[in-house]
Amino acid sequence: MHTVDPRTLNLADFYDGHATDPLAAPPEFVDWARATAREQALFQQPLAASAGPRTRLVVDGREREFINLASLDYLGLNRHPAIAAAIADSFARWGVGACGVPLLTGMSAVQRELEAEVASMLGREDAMLFPSGFSGGVGLMLALLRGGDVAIADAKAHMCWLDGIRSTGAKLQMFPHGDVDALAALLDKFRDRRRIVVVDGLYSMDGDVADLPAILDVCDAYGVGLIVDEAHSIFALGRTGGGATEQLGVEGRVRLLFGTFSKGLAMLGGFAAGRADLLQYARLYAHPFGFSAALPPAYAAGVLAGTRLARAGADLRDRLGANARYFRDALKGLGLDTGVSTTHVIPIIFKDRPFLYESGLRLRDRGLYVVPVDYPAVPEDAVRFRIAISAAHTRDDLDEALNIIEDVVARPLRARGANPAR
């Protein structure tokens, strides 16, 4: 009987479940998870301290210190005392929770203040908050799309948009990443339907910024509105932290902006910013907004403090950009493939999946926290580590990480006469 090497399998092989019981894991999945338990231990690794440039993880039952290149804390605000103080000081007034959904009893004055701050920052009439970024993307699609509509998304758009579109009954069409000619062809093909276009400002697995001027030119030519997901670029790019749209000077041309507080601010929650009448409508039909408890008011006070810090944090964005350029250039100097990254999101791309996992385990042994990203999240021939640079990383942090990567990844590849992309 032919035996399949479990290392050749991935999550896509088990997605269809199995023939009998949907409330039981597929037996093949159980076997695979057991056979790859060593590699699986690289995921869902428990943190034993707050995420920062250096952190502590629980590995094999004991705590160890790590240089952290995995956590999304782009401006280094996770441990900022002003944010912590804003949350702590607000508990006496607000308690621990909102105690209701925003549509009924959960709306607080501090949430309204945060919405106004976000709208002001982005030059929009209004903003609405969601309990998470993912729920926000799904919620907006539920609010804005109906059966018969067509939603056109970049092939690398975030899963929240794809799941949201599919749940509405609208037709999902995807164009090859960044291909504006293919986008134009789809807009033309479905010119008799209601259409929207969704792209990311900064792509979370490749670290490249969308060509928003070209995309907007196509959308404008067909009279179709654009949603830009700034989850990985808001607060981190642009003169005042307005994201890729601000950096590229197209803020006024984008119909609806979306973002999160979970990367640039290292916090929780999502938001949409746009016309007041559109968001008034969306609040009534975006189910994750109307049927989820609102952000706790004390926590919203912390997000508000973080937003104000980020708006004034040009020095943090400068430091983030300098750290990213330094680290990316050094990786390229080691012969490693960083793809098309131009930002603080930097992949190290491999074709050899077993070597990716082998390297991940060895990097963990050396005290470097990175996590493999495998198919189907990324193409099978471009699996990777996703490096998340922070403004809080020191040059010593980055140099120590680079020395470890050189020993564990670059030198073995050179000994093979290869690089990760071959």
Protein backbone atom coordinates (compact mmCIF):
# COMPACT_ATOMS: atom_id res chain seq x y z
CA MET A 1 0.00 0.00 0.00
CA HIS A 2 1.35 3.41 -0.97
CA THR A 3 2.03 5.68 2.03
CA VAL A 4 1.84 9.44 1.60
CA ASP A 5 4.55 11.47 3.27
CA PRO A 6 2.56 13.65 5.73
CA ARG A 7 4.98 16.51 5.12
CA THR A 8 3.61 16.80 1.57
CA LEU A 9 0.06 17.45 2.82
CA ASN A 10 -1.48 20.77 3.84
CA LEU A 11 -4.77 22.20 5.04
CA ALA A 12 -6.26 22.23 1.54
CA ASP A 13 -6.17 18.42 1.52
CA PHE A 14 -8.73 18.20 4.34
CA TYR A 15 -11.06 21.10 3.58
CA ASP A 16 -13.86 18.93 2.16
CA GLY A 17 -14.12 17.00 5.42
CA HIS A 18 -15.28 13.42 5.05
CA ALA A 19 -18.32 11.41 4.12
CA THR A 20 -20.11 10.75 7.39
CA ASP A 21 -20.16 13.16 10.32
CA PRO A 22 -19.56 16.94 10.02
CA LEU A 23 -19.07 17.08 13.79
CA ALA A 24 -16.02 14.80 13.63
CA ALA A 25 -12.59 15.75 12.33
CA PRO A 26 -11.61 13.83 9.18
CA PRO A 27 -9.59 10.74 10.19
CA GLU A 28 -6.92 11.66 7.62
CA PHE A 29 -6.55 15.06 9.27
CA VAL A 30 -6.14 13.47 12.69
CA ASP A 31 -3.44 11.16 11.35
CA TRP A 32 -1.68 14.06 9.64
CA ALA A 33 -1.79 16.26 12.73
CA ARG A 34 -0.25 13.48 14.81
CA ALA A 35 2.45 12.71 12.24
CA THR A 36 3.44 16.37 11.98
CA ALA A 37 3.07 17.26 15.67
CA ARG A 38 6.65 18.57 15.82
CA GLU A 39 6.01 21.02 12.99
CA GLN A 40 2.51 21.89 14.27
CA ALA A 41 4.12 23.06 17.51
CA LEU A 42 5.38 26.13 15.60
CA PHE A 43 1.79 27.38 15.47
CA GLN A 44 -0.36 28.66 18.35
CA GLN A 45 2.78 28.94 20.46
CA PRO A 46 1.68 30.36 23.85
CA LEU A 47 3.11 33.76 24.72
CA ALA A 48 4.31 34.07 28.31
CA ALA A 49 4.76 37.85 28.15
CA SER A 50 3.45 40.80 26.18
CA ALA A 51 4.33 40.95 22.50
CA GLY A 52 7.21 43.34 21.83
CA PRO A 53 10.56 43.39 20.06
CA ARG A 54 11.56 40.72 22.55
CA THR A 55 9.08 38.44 24.26
CA ARG A 56 8.79 35.14 26.09
CA LEU A 57 7.20 31.94 24.78
CA VAL A 58 6.27 28.67 26.44
CA VAL A 59 8.24 25.98 24.59
CA ASP A 60 8.14 22.36 25.73
CA GLY A 61 6.63 23.42 29.02
CA ARG A 62 9.12 26.13 29.96
CA GLU A 63 9.47 29.85 29.32
CA ARG A 64 12.19 31.18 27.03
CA GLU A 65 13.10 34.63 25.72
CA PHE A 66 12.89 35.33 21.98
CA ILE A 67 13.61 38.09 19.52
CA ASN A 68 10.14 38.69 18.11
CA LEU A 69 9.74 39.07 14.34
CA ALA A 70 6.25 37.58 14.24
CA SER A 71 3.90 39.86 16.19
CA LEU A 72 2.05 42.72 14.49
CA ASP A 73 3.02 45.80 16.50
CA TYR A 74 4.22 48.08 13.73
CA LEU A 75 4.57 51.30 15.73
CA GLY A 76 5.74 49.56 18.90
CA LEU A 77 2.78 50.80 20.95
CA ASN A 78 1.81 47.53 22.65
CA ARG A 79 3.52 48.51 25.89
CA HIS A 80 2.97 52.27 25.68
CA PRO A 81 2.21 53.63 29.16
CA ALA A 82 -0.19 56.33 27.95
CA ILE A 83 -2.45 53.72 26.33
CA ALA A 84 -2.35 51.47 29.38
CA ALA A 85 -3.13 54.44 31.63
CA ALA A 86 -6.07 55.49 29.46
CA ILE A 87 -7.59 52.03 29.78
CA ALA A 88 -6.91 51.74 33.51
CA ASP A 89 -8.23 55.22 34.29
CA SER A 90 -11.44 54.52 32.36
CA PHE A 91 -12.45 51.38 34.25
CA ALA A 92 -13.70 53.36 37.25
CA ARG A 93 -16.14 55.21 35.01
CA TRP A 94 -17.07 52.56 32.48
CA GLY A 95 -16.57 49.15 34.07
CA VAL A 96 -15.31 46.11 32.16
CA GLY A 97 -17.79 45.87 29.28
CA ALA A 98 -20.26 47.61 27.00
CA CYS A 99 -23.03 45.25 28.12
CA GLY A 100 -24.85 45.39 24.81
CA VAL A 101 -24.68 45.73 21.06
CA PRO A 102 -24.08 49.23 19.65
CA LEU A 103 -27.52 49.42 18.03
CA LEU A 104 -29.30 48.98 21.36
CA THR A 105 -27.54 49.57 24.69
CA GLY A 106 -23.81 49.17 23.93
CA MET A 107 -23.03 52.54 22.34
CA SER A 108 -20.92 54.76 24.59
CA ALA A 109 -19.82 58.37 24.42
CA VAL A 110 -16.21 57.26 24.17
CA GLN A 111 -17.03 55.06 21.15
CA ARG A 112 -18.62 58.07 19.47
CA GLU A 113 -15.50 60.07 20.31
CA LEU A 114 -13.28 57.39 18.79
CA GLU A 115 -15.40 57.28 15.64
CA ALA A 116 -15.09 61.06 15.31
CA GLU A 117 -11.31 60.88 15.81
CA VAL A 118 -10.93 58.24 13.08
CA ALA A 119 -13.17 60.19 10.69
CA SER A 120 -11.17 63.37 11.34
CA MET A 121 -7.87 61.59 10.82
CA LEU A 122 -9.02 60.25 7.44
CA GLY A 123 -10.92 63.35 6.29
CA ARG A 124 -14.25 61.51 6.21
CA GLU A 125 -17.74 62.46 7.29
CA ASP A 126 -18.11 59.54 9.65
CA ALA A 127 -16.62 56.24 10.85
CA MET A 128 -18.16 53.12 12.38
CA LEU A 129 -16.44 50.60 14.65
CA PHE A 130 -16.45 46.81 14.62
CA PRO A 131 -15.33 44.43 17.38
CA SER A 132 -12.61 43.05 15.07
CA GLY A 133 -11.16 43.65 11.65
CA PHE A 134 -12.39 40.33 10.27
CA SER A 135 -15.94 40.92 11.46
CA GLY A 136 -15.81 44.37 9.90
CA GLY A 137 -14.95 43.09 6.44
CA VAL A 138 -17.65 40.44 6.58
CA GLY A 139 -20.13 42.93 8.03
CA LEU A 140 -19.63 45.54 5.35
CA MET A 141 -20.21 42.97 2.61
CA LEU A 142 -23.40 41.81 4.34
CA ALA A 143 -24.58 45.40 4.53
CA LEU A 144 -23.72 46.57 1.03
CA LEU A 145 -24.16 43.57 -1.30
CA ARG A 146 -27.19 41.60 -2.42
CA GLY A 147 -27.80 38.62 -4.70
CA GLY A 148 -27.14 39.62 -8.30
CA ASP A 149 -24.39 42.08 -7.40
CA VAL A 150 -20.79 41.52 -8.48
CA ALA A 151 -17.86 42.06 -6.13
CA ILE A 152 -14.46 42.21 -7.83
CA ALA A 153 -11.46 41.62 -5.59
CA ASP A 154 -7.72 41.43 -6.04
CA ALA A 155 -6.61 37.78 -5.90
CA LYS A 156 -4.65 38.55 -2.72
CA ALA A 157 -7.44 40.41 -0.91
CA HIS A 158 -7.96 39.39 2.71
CA MET A 159 -10.16 36.39 3.51
CA CYS A 160 -12.69 38.53 5.41
CA TRP A 161 -13.80 40.10 2.13
CA LEU A 162 -14.06 36.78 0.32
CA ASP A 163 -16.03 35.14 3.12
CA GLY A 164 -18.26 38.19 3.38
CA ILE A 165 -18.95 38.34 -0.35
CA ARG A 166 -19.75 34.64 -0.54
CA SER A 167 -22.20 34.92 2.35
CA THR A 168 -24.29 37.55 0.54
CA GLY A 169 -25.13 35.62 -2.60
CA ALA A 170 -23.27 38.18 -4.71
CA LYS A 171 -20.99 36.94 -7.46
CA LEU A 172 -17.31 36.98 -6.49
CA GLN A 173 -14.85 37.71 -9.28
CA MET A 174 -11.10 37.90 -8.66
CA PHE A 175 -8.43 39.45 -10.86
CA PRO A 176 -4.72 38.53 -10.83
CA HIS A 177 -2.84 40.49 -8.22
CA GLY A 178 -2.35 44.09 -9.31
CA ASP A 179 -3.50 43.45 -12.90
CA VAL A 180 -5.47 46.59 -13.79
CA ASP A 181 -6.17 45.37 -17.34
CA ALA A 182 -7.86 42.25 -15.92
CA LEU A 183 -9.81 44.48 -13.51
CA ALA A 184 -11.00 46.61 -16.42
CA ALA A 185 -12.07 43.51 -18.35
CA LEU A 186 -14.19 42.30 -15.42
CA LEU A 187 -15.78 45.70 -14.92
CA ASP A 188 -16.64 45.74 -18.61
CA LYS A 189 -17.96 42.17 -18.59
CA PHE A 190 -20.38 42.94 -15.75
CA ARG A 191 -21.22 46.51 -16.75
CA ASP A 192 -24.96 45.78 -16.44
CA ARG A 193 -24.71 44.78 -12.76
CA ARG A 194 -24.17 46.63 -9.48
CA ARG A 195 -20.42 46.32 -8.81
CA ILE A 196 -17.83 47.12 -6.19
CA VAL A 197 -14.06 46.66 -6.19
CA VAL A 198 -12.05 45.64 -3.11
CA VAL A 199 -8.26 45.81 -2.78
CA ASP A 200 -5.76 46.01 0.07
CA GLY A 201 -3.63 49.08 0.53
CA LEU A 202 -0.69 46.98 1.72
CA TYR A 203 -0.75 43.23 1.12
CA SER A 204 -0.27 41.25 4.30
CA MET A 205 1.78 38.35 2.94
CA ASP A 206 3.92 40.12 0.34
CA GLY A 207 4.45 43.57 1.81
CA ASP A 208 3.76 45.43 -1.45
CA VAL A 209 1.57 48.51 -1.79
CA ALA A 210 -1.28 48.50 -4.31
CA ASP A 211 -1.04 50.79 -7.35
CA LEU A 212 -4.06 52.73 -6.16
CA PRO A 213 -3.82 55.56 -8.71
CA ALA A 214 -4.02 53.07 -11.60
CA ILE A 215 -6.79 51.05 -9.93
CA LEU A 216 -8.79 54.22 -9.29
CA ASP A 217 -8.38 55.34 -12.88
CA VAL A 218 -10.03 52.08 -14.01
CA CYS A 219 -12.77 52.26 -11.38
CA ASP A 220 -13.51 55.90 -12.24
CA ALA A 221 -13.71 55.07 -15.95
CA TYR A 222 -16.50 52.59 -15.18
CA GLY A 223 -18.17 54.65 -12.45
CA VAL A 224 -17.57 51.97 -9.82
CA GLY A 225 -16.64 52.61 -6.20
CA LEU A 226 -13.49 51.26 -4.54
CA ILE A 227 -13.03 49.88 -1.02
CA VAL A 228 -9.43 49.99 0.22
CA ASP A 229 -8.49 47.75 3.14
CA GLU A 230 -5.78 49.62 5.06
CA ALA A 231 -5.44 47.00 7.82
CA HIS A 232 -1.64 46.70 7.51
CA SER A 233 -0.99 50.27 6.38
CA ILE A 234 -3.20 52.45 8.58
CA PHE A 235 -1.15 54.36 11.18
CA ALA A 236 2.05 52.84 9.69
CA LEU A 237 2.19 54.61 6.30
CA GLY A 238 1.47 58.17 5.25
CA ARG A 239 2.50 61.54 6.64
CA THR A 240 -0.13 61.47 9.39
CA GLY A 241 -0.69 57.71 9.47
CA GLY A 242 -3.50 57.73 6.92
CA GLY A 243 -2.18 54.61 5.22
CA ALA A 244 -1.41 53.77 1.62
CA THR A 245 -4.12 56.11 0.33
CA GLU A 246 -2.45 59.05 2.06
CA GLN A 247 1.03 57.96 1.03
CA LEU A 248 -0.08 57.81 -2.61
CA GLY A 249 -2.14 61.01 -2.43
CA VAL A 250 -5.46 59.44 -3.42
CA GLU A 251 -7.44 59.87 -0.17
CA GLY A 252 -10.18 61.91 -1.80
CA ARG A 253 -10.77 59.42 -4.60
CA VAL A 254 -11.51 56.32 -2.49
CA ARG A 255 -15.20 55.82 -1.68
CA LEU A 256 -14.83 53.68 1.45
CA LEU A 257 -11.80 53.14 3.67
CA PHE A 258 -11.43 50.20 6.00
CA GLY A 259 -8.83 49.57 8.68
CA THR A 260 -8.03 47.89 11.95
CA PHE A 261 -6.50 48.84 15.28
CA SER A 262 -4.74 45.48 15.60
CA LYS A 263 -1.53 46.17 13.66
CA GLY A 264 -0.55 49.82 13.75
CA LEU A 265 -1.87 50.22 17.29
CA ALA A 266 -1.38 46.61 18.49
CA MET A 267 -4.96 46.69 19.82
CA LEU A 268 -8.34 45.27 18.77
CA GLY A 269 -11.17 46.38 16.52
CA GLY A 270 -11.94 47.44 12.98
CA PHE A 271 -13.49 50.48 11.37
CA ALA A 272 -14.98 51.80 8.17
CA ALA A 273 -14.78 55.47 7.19
CA GLY A 274 -16.82 57.20 4.52
CA ARG A 275 -20.01 59.15 3.87
CA ALA A 276 -22.27 59.54 6.88
CA ASP A 277 -25.41 58.39 5.05
CA LEU A 278 -23.72 55.21 3.78
CA LEU A 279 -22.49 54.29 7.26
CA GLN A 280 -25.89 55.07 8.80
CA TYR A 281 -27.30 52.49 6.38
CA ALA A 282 -24.48 50.00 7.00
CA ARG A 283 -24.99 50.10 10.77
CA LEU A 284 -28.46 48.65 10.28
CA TYR A 285 -27.45 45.80 7.96
CA ALA A 286 -23.90 44.85 8.98
CA HIS A 287 -24.74 41.95 11.29
CA PRO A 288 -21.37 41.74 13.07
CA PHE A 289 -21.97 45.36 14.10
CA GLY A 290 -25.59 44.96 15.13
CA PHE A 291 -25.33 41.53 16.77
CA SER A 292 -21.92 41.72 18.51
CA ALA A 293 -21.20 43.41 21.81
CA ALA A 294 -19.61 46.80 21.34
CA LEU A 295 -15.97 47.42 22.21
CA PRO A 296 -15.74 47.88 25.99
CA PRO A 297 -15.78 51.64 26.63
CA ALA A 298 -12.60 51.55 28.75
CA TYR A 299 -10.84 49.70 25.95
CA ALA A 300 -12.17 52.18 23.38
CA ALA A 301 -10.59 54.91 25.53
CA GLY A 302 -7.26 53.13 25.09
CA VAL A 303 -7.76 52.87 21.32
CA LEU A 304 -8.57 56.58 21.26
CA ALA A 305 -5.33 57.36 23.11
CA GLY A 306 -3.41 55.11 20.71
CA THR A 307 -5.01 56.76 17.66
CA ARG A 308 -3.94 60.19 18.89
CA LEU A 309 -0.41 58.96 19.57
CA ALA A 310 -0.21 57.44 16.10
CA ARG A 311 -1.52 60.57 14.37
CA ALA A 312 1.31 62.52 15.98
CA GLY A 313 3.83 59.71 15.55
CA ALA A 314 5.72 60.69 12.40
CA ASP A 315 8.94 59.77 14.21
CA LEU A 316 7.59 56.25 14.80
CA ARG A 317 6.73 55.85 11.11
CA ASP A 318 10.19 57.13 10.15
CA ARG A 319 11.81 54.61 12.49
CA LEU A 320 9.58 51.81 11.18
CA GLY A 321 10.52 52.60 7.58
CA ALA A 322 14.23 52.78 8.40
CA ASN A 323 14.13 49.46 10.27
CA ALA A 324 12.29 47.80 7.41
CA ARG A 325 14.73 49.05 4.77
CA TYR A 326 17.72 47.98 6.86
CA PHE A 327 16.37 44.48 7.48
CA ARG A 328 15.12 43.86 3.94
CA ASP A 329 18.41 45.02 2.40
CA ALA A 330 20.34 42.77 4.77
CA LEU A 331 18.20 39.74 3.89
CA LYS A 332 18.78 40.38 0.21
CA GLY A 333 22.50 40.66 0.94
CA LEU A 334 22.33 37.15 2.39
CA GLY A 335 20.86 35.91 -0.89
CA LEU A 336 17.33 35.46 0.47
CA ASP A 337 14.17 36.11 -1.51
CA THR A 338 12.02 38.92 -0.07
CA GLY A 339 9.68 39.02 -3.06
CA VAL A 340 8.11 42.37 -3.93
CA SER A 341 8.10 43.79 -0.40
CA THR A 342 8.68 47.53 -0.06
CA THR A 343 7.37 47.92 3.50
CA HIS A 344 7.54 46.66 7.08
CA VAL A 345 5.97 43.34 6.02
CA ILE A 346 8.89 41.27 4.67
CA PRO A 347 8.54 37.67 3.50
CA ILE A 348 11.40 35.20 3.27
CA ILE A 349 10.16 33.02 0.43
CA PHE A 350 10.92 29.31 -0.04
CA LYS A 351 10.05 26.66 -2.61
CA ASP A 352 11.16 23.82 -0.32
CA ARG A 353 8.36 23.24 2.22
CA PRO A 354 10.23 20.71 4.37
CA PHE A 355 13.18 23.11 4.64
CA LEU A 356 10.79 25.89 5.68
CA TYR A 357 9.58 23.85 8.65
CA GLU A 358 13.05 22.53 9.45
CA SER A 359 14.30 26.12 9.48
CA GLY A 360 11.40 27.23 11.65
CA LEU A 361 12.25 24.65 14.31
CA ARG A 362 15.92 25.55 14.24
CA LEU A 363 15.19 29.29 14.42
CA ARG A 364 13.00 28.62 17.45
CA ASP A 365 15.83 26.66 19.05
CA ARG A 366 18.09 29.68 18.51
CA GLY A 367 15.63 32.08 20.14
CA LEU A 368 14.07 33.73 17.06
CA TYR A 369 10.28 33.88 16.91
CA VAL A 370 8.97 33.54 13.36
CA VAL A 371 6.07 31.44 12.06
CA PRO A 372 5.80 29.51 8.77
CA VAL A 373 3.07 30.54 6.32
CA ASP A 374 2.00 27.61 4.18
CA TYR A 375 -0.37 26.86 1.31
CA PRO A 376 -3.26 27.66 0.84
CA ALA A 377 -2.57 31.02 2.55
CA VAL A 378 0.21 31.56 -0.01
CA PRO A 379 1.12 29.75 -3.25
CA GLU A 380 2.56 26.25 -2.89
CA ASP A 381 5.80 27.31 -4.59
CA ALA A 382 6.17 30.42 -2.44
CA VAL A 383 5.75 29.32 1.19
CA ARG A 384 7.46 31.65 3.61
CA PHE A 385 8.20 33.25 6.91
CA ARG A 386 6.43 36.59 7.24
CA ILE A 387 8.65 39.05 9.06
CA ALA A 388 6.83 41.88 10.86
CA ILE A 389 9.15 44.78 11.59
CA SER A 390 8.38 47.21 14.42
CA ALA A 391 9.47 50.74 15.19
CA ALA A 392 10.41 49.35 18.62
CA HIS A 393 13.08 47.02 17.21
CA THR A 394 16.58 48.25 17.97
CA ARG A 395 19.48 47.80 15.58
CA ASP A 396 20.85 45.21 18.05
CA ASP A 397 17.57 43.25 17.83
CA LEU A 398 17.71 43.26 14.03
CA ASP A 399 21.42 42.40 13.81
CA GLU A 400 21.07 39.49 16.23
CA ALA A 401 18.09 38.19 14.23
CA LEU A 402 20.04 38.53 10.97
CA ASN A 403 22.97 36.57 12.39
CA ILE A 404 20.64 33.75 13.39
CA ILE A 405 18.93 33.76 9.97
CA GLU A 406 22.30 33.66 8.25
CA ASP A 407 23.39 30.63 10.30
CA VAL A 408 20.12 28.71 10.09
CA VAL A 409 18.79 29.61 6.62
CA ALA A 410 21.28 31.37 4.33
CA ARG A 411 24.40 29.25 4.96
CA PRO A 412 22.65 25.87 4.55
CA LEU A 413 21.12 27.13 1.32
CA ARG A 414 24.48 28.29 0.03
CA ALA A 415 25.92 24.89 0.93
CA ARG A 416 23.22 23.34 -1.25
CA GLY A 417 24.07 25.75 -4.03
CA ALA A 418 20.55 27.11 -3.80
CA ASN A 419 18.48 29.97 -2.48
CA PRO A 420 14.90 29.79 -1.11
CA ALA A 421 13.35 30.65 -4.47
CA ARG A 422 14.99 27.78 -6.36
